[in-house]
Amino acid sequence: VSIIVVGDYNNDDEKDGNDDGDKHGFSTLQKSQAINLLYSFWSSVTYLLSSTEQISSTILLVDPTYDDDFTSFYKTCDDIIESSVVATDSTKYIGRAWFHPLYDADIVQHTNVLPGHA
């Protein structure tokens, strides 16, 4: 298992601003974090595709910027990353599981356990 920690996007100007978000509810800072996580996800997929199973067959992608923000985490994973996997017709090739310390199935509206959620 390879562990990759996504870098913390830290821009104090955006954190202190009055950014109420776009039509989907994402602030400028959240969009930057989502882009960073999406990039890290696909970079990890590329790394796995170029590796042998002896080198790496699983990646644990960790992004501490979402530790206290479950809603943004699941929106990024479900709405952006998962959509990109579906759009590339890669669902049968790329396994995904989203883990979060504040996971709440009711917020995600997955009251039953679904693949990709834990």
C-alpha atoms as a PDB file:
ATOM      1  CA  VAL A   1       0.000   0.000   0.000  1.00  0.00           C
ATOM      2  CA  SER A   2       1.304   3.426  -0.945  1.00  0.00           C
ATOM      3  CA  ILE A   3       0.174   6.349   1.202  1.00  0.00           C
ATOM      4  CA  ILE A   4      -0.059   9.777  -0.401  1.00  0.00           C
ATOM      5  CA  VAL A   5      -0.858  12.860   1.678  1.00  0.00           C
ATOM      6  CA  VAL A   6      -2.447  15.677  -0.289  1.00  0.00           C
ATOM      7  CA  GLY A   7      -0.871  19.069   0.398  1.00  0.00           C
ATOM      8  CA  ASP A   8      -2.811  21.566   2.482  1.00  0.00           C
ATOM      9  CA  TYR A   9      -4.136  24.456   0.414  1.00  0.00           C
ATOM     10  CA  ASN A  10      -3.621  27.433   2.692  1.00  0.00           C
ATOM     11  CA  ASN A  11      -4.592  30.876   1.446  1.00  0.00           C
ATOM     12  CA  ASP A  12      -5.443  33.248   4.297  1.00  0.00           C
ATOM     13  CA  ASP A  13      -6.904  35.853   1.925  1.00  0.00           C
ATOM     14  CA  GLU A  14      -9.552  33.393   0.761  1.00  0.00           C
ATOM     15  CA  LYS A  15     -10.199  32.074   4.276  1.00  0.00           C
ATOM     16  CA  ASP A  16     -10.929  35.597   5.543  1.00  0.00           C
ATOM     17  CA  GLY A  17     -13.026  36.680   2.542  1.00  0.00           C
ATOM     18  CA  ASN A  18     -16.768  36.783   2.186  1.00  0.00           C
ATOM     19  CA  ASP A  19     -16.970  34.040  -0.412  1.00  0.00           C
ATOM     20  CA  ASP A  20     -20.510  32.645  -0.138  1.00  0.00           C
ATOM     21  CA  GLY A  21     -19.874  30.002  -2.752  1.00  0.00           C
ATOM     22  CA  ASP A  22     -21.051  29.252  -6.242  1.00  0.00           C
ATOM     23  CA  LYS A  23     -24.411  27.801  -7.297  1.00  0.00           C
ATOM     24  CA  HIS A  24     -23.290  24.390  -5.974  1.00  0.00           C
ATOM     25  CA  GLY A  25     -22.253  25.817  -2.596  1.00  0.00           C
ATOM     26  CA  PHE A  26     -18.479  25.592  -3.135  1.00  0.00           C
ATOM     27  CA  SER A  27     -16.408  28.573  -1.952  1.00  0.00           C
ATOM     28  CA  THR A  28     -13.221  29.576  -3.773  1.00  0.00           C
ATOM     29  CA  LEU A  29     -11.158  27.811  -1.095  1.00  0.00           C
ATOM     30  CA  GLN A  30     -13.274  24.658  -1.334  1.00  0.00           C
ATOM     31  CA  LYS A  31     -12.921  24.650  -5.134  1.00  0.00           C
ATOM     32  CA  SER A  32      -9.144  24.899  -4.793  1.00  0.00           C
ATOM     33  CA  GLN A  33      -9.129  22.026  -2.287  1.00  0.00           C
ATOM     34  CA  ALA A  34     -11.391  19.956  -4.560  1.00  0.00           C
ATOM     35  CA  ILE A  35      -9.138  20.570  -7.569  1.00  0.00           C
ATOM     36  CA  ASN A  36      -6.126  19.552  -5.490  1.00  0.00           C
ATOM     37  CA  LEU A  37      -7.826  16.323  -4.356  1.00  0.00           C
ATOM     38  CA  LEU A  38      -9.065  15.527  -7.870  1.00  0.00           C
ATOM     39  CA  TYR A  39      -5.560  16.064  -9.273  1.00  0.00           C
ATOM     40  CA  SER A  40      -4.057  13.883  -6.528  1.00  0.00           C
ATOM     41  CA  PHE A  41      -6.624  11.152  -7.165  1.00  0.00           C
ATOM     42  CA  TRP A  42      -5.895  10.962 -10.912  1.00  0.00           C
ATOM     43  CA  SER A  43      -2.134  11.265 -10.312  1.00  0.00           C
ATOM     44  CA  SER A  44      -2.435   8.260  -7.999  1.00  0.00           C
ATOM     45  CA  VAL A  45      -4.372   6.329 -10.636  1.00  0.00           C
ATOM     46  CA  THR A  46      -1.658   7.155 -13.178  1.00  0.00           C
ATOM     47  CA  TYR A  47       1.001   5.990 -10.718  1.00  0.00           C
ATOM     48  CA  LEU A  48      -0.831   2.689 -10.165  1.00  0.00           C
ATOM     49  CA  LEU A  49      -1.214   2.134 -13.906  1.00  0.00           C
ATOM     50  CA  SER A  50       2.522   2.590 -14.382  1.00  0.00           C
ATOM     51  CA  SER A  51       3.450   0.331 -11.433  1.00  0.00           C
ATOM     52  CA  THR A  52       3.559  -3.400 -11.088  1.00  0.00           C
ATOM     53  CA  GLU A  53       1.580  -5.053  -8.298  1.00  0.00           C
ATOM     54  CA  GLN A  54       4.876  -5.820  -6.579  1.00  0.00           C
ATOM     55  CA  ILE A  55       5.569  -2.076  -6.336  1.00  0.00           C
ATOM     56  CA  SER A  56       2.067  -0.838  -5.497  1.00  0.00           C
ATOM     57  CA  SER A  57      -1.451  -2.128  -6.020  1.00  0.00           C
ATOM     58  CA  THR A  58      -3.343   0.092  -3.589  1.00  0.00           C
ATOM     59  CA  ILE A  59      -3.091   3.749  -2.685  1.00  0.00           C
ATOM     60  CA  LEU A  60      -4.441   5.377   0.432  1.00  0.00           C
ATOM     61  CA  LEU A  61      -4.962   9.021  -0.472  1.00  0.00           C
ATOM     62  CA  VAL A  62      -5.143  11.197   2.650  1.00  0.00           C
ATOM     63  CA  ASP A  63      -6.307  14.813   2.612  1.00  0.00           C
ATOM     64  CA  PRO A  64      -6.259  16.445   6.055  1.00  0.00           C
ATOM     65  CA  THR A  65      -7.859  19.643   4.726  1.00  0.00           C
ATOM     66  CA  TYR A  66     -11.224  17.862   4.969  1.00  0.00           C
ATOM     67  CA  ASP A  67     -10.797  16.462   8.499  1.00  0.00           C
ATOM     68  CA  ASP A  68     -13.391  18.807  10.032  1.00  0.00           C
ATOM     69  CA  ASP A  69     -15.576  19.301   6.959  1.00  0.00           C
ATOM     70  CA  PHE A  70     -17.443  16.141   6.061  1.00  0.00           C
ATOM     71  CA  THR A  71     -19.967  17.889   3.802  1.00  0.00           C
ATOM     72  CA  SER A  72     -17.298  19.336   1.482  1.00  0.00           C
ATOM     73  CA  PHE A  73     -15.466  16.002   1.553  1.00  0.00           C
ATOM     74  CA  TYR A  74     -18.433  13.946   0.396  1.00  0.00           C
ATOM     75  CA  LYS A  75     -19.484  16.560  -2.174  1.00  0.00           C
ATOM     76  CA  THR A  76     -15.970  16.498  -3.617  1.00  0.00           C
ATOM     77  CA  CYS A  77     -15.782  12.703  -3.636  1.00  0.00           C
ATOM     78  CA  ASP A  78     -19.299  11.990  -4.889  1.00  0.00           C
ATOM     79  CA  ASP A  79     -19.958  14.966  -7.136  1.00  0.00           C
ATOM     80  CA  ILE A  80     -16.512  15.559  -8.626  1.00  0.00           C
ATOM     81  CA  ILE A  81     -14.195  12.554  -8.285  1.00  0.00           C
ATOM     82  CA  GLU A  82     -16.870   9.896  -8.775  1.00  0.00           C
ATOM     83  CA  SER A  83     -18.308  11.824 -11.727  1.00  0.00           C
ATOM     84  CA  SER A  84     -14.865  11.910 -13.345  1.00  0.00           C
ATOM     85  CA  VAL A  85     -14.471   8.152 -12.894  1.00  0.00           C
ATOM     86  CA  VAL A  86     -17.900   7.570 -14.476  1.00  0.00           C
ATOM     87  CA  ALA A  87     -17.181  10.064 -17.290  1.00  0.00           C
ATOM     88  CA  THR A  88     -14.004   8.178 -18.208  1.00  0.00           C
ATOM     89  CA  ASP A  89     -15.859   4.837 -18.141  1.00  0.00           C
ATOM     90  CA  SER A  90     -13.416   3.616 -15.478  1.00  0.00           C
ATOM     91  CA  THR A  91     -15.762   2.350 -12.769  1.00  0.00           C
ATOM     92  CA  LYS A  92     -14.908  -1.298 -13.387  1.00  0.00           C
ATOM     93  CA  TYR A  93     -11.155  -0.609 -13.340  1.00  0.00           C
ATOM     94  CA  ILE A  94     -10.716   1.849 -10.475  1.00  0.00           C
ATOM     95  CA  GLY A  95     -11.848   0.804  -7.008  1.00  0.00           C
ATOM     96  CA  ARG A  96     -12.814   3.619  -4.671  1.00  0.00           C
ATOM     97  CA  ALA A  97     -13.780   3.808  -1.019  1.00  0.00           C
ATOM     98  CA  TRP A  98     -14.360   7.087   0.799  1.00  0.00           C
ATOM     99  CA  PHE A  99     -13.433   7.178   4.488  1.00  0.00           C
ATOM    100  CA  HIS A 100     -13.928  10.131   6.826  1.00  0.00           C
ATOM    101  CA  PRO A 101     -13.778  10.404  10.636  1.00  0.00           C
ATOM    102  CA  LEU A 102     -17.142  12.237  10.665  1.00  0.00           C
ATOM    103  CA  TYR A 103     -18.874   9.981   8.119  1.00  0.00           C
ATOM    104  CA  ASP A 104     -22.651  10.352   8.344  1.00  0.00           C
ATOM    105  CA  ALA A 105     -24.771   8.152   6.072  1.00  0.00           C
ATOM    106  CA  ASP A 106     -27.831  10.324   6.677  1.00  0.00           C
ATOM    107  CA  ILE A 107     -26.108  13.436   5.287  1.00  0.00           C
ATOM    108  CA  VAL A 108     -25.029  11.524   2.188  1.00  0.00           C
ATOM    109  CA  GLN A 109     -28.512  10.003   1.972  1.00  0.00           C
ATOM    110  CA  HIS A 110     -27.028   6.517   1.967  1.00  0.00           C
ATOM    111  CA  THR A 111     -28.814   4.948   4.896  1.00  0.00           C
ATOM    112  CA  ASN A 112     -27.845   1.528   3.555  1.00  0.00           C
ATOM    113  CA  VAL A 113     -24.175   0.693   3.064  1.00  0.00           C
ATOM    114  CA  LEU A 114     -23.226   1.297  -0.562  1.00  0.00           C
ATOM    115  CA  PRO A 115     -20.042   0.333  -2.399  1.00  0.00           C
ATOM    116  CA  GLY A 116     -17.487   3.101  -2.100  1.00  0.00           C
ATOM    117  CA  HIS A 117     -18.712   4.351   1.267  1.00  0.00           C
ATOM    118  CA  ALA A 118     -17.456   3.383   4.706  1.00  0.00           C
END
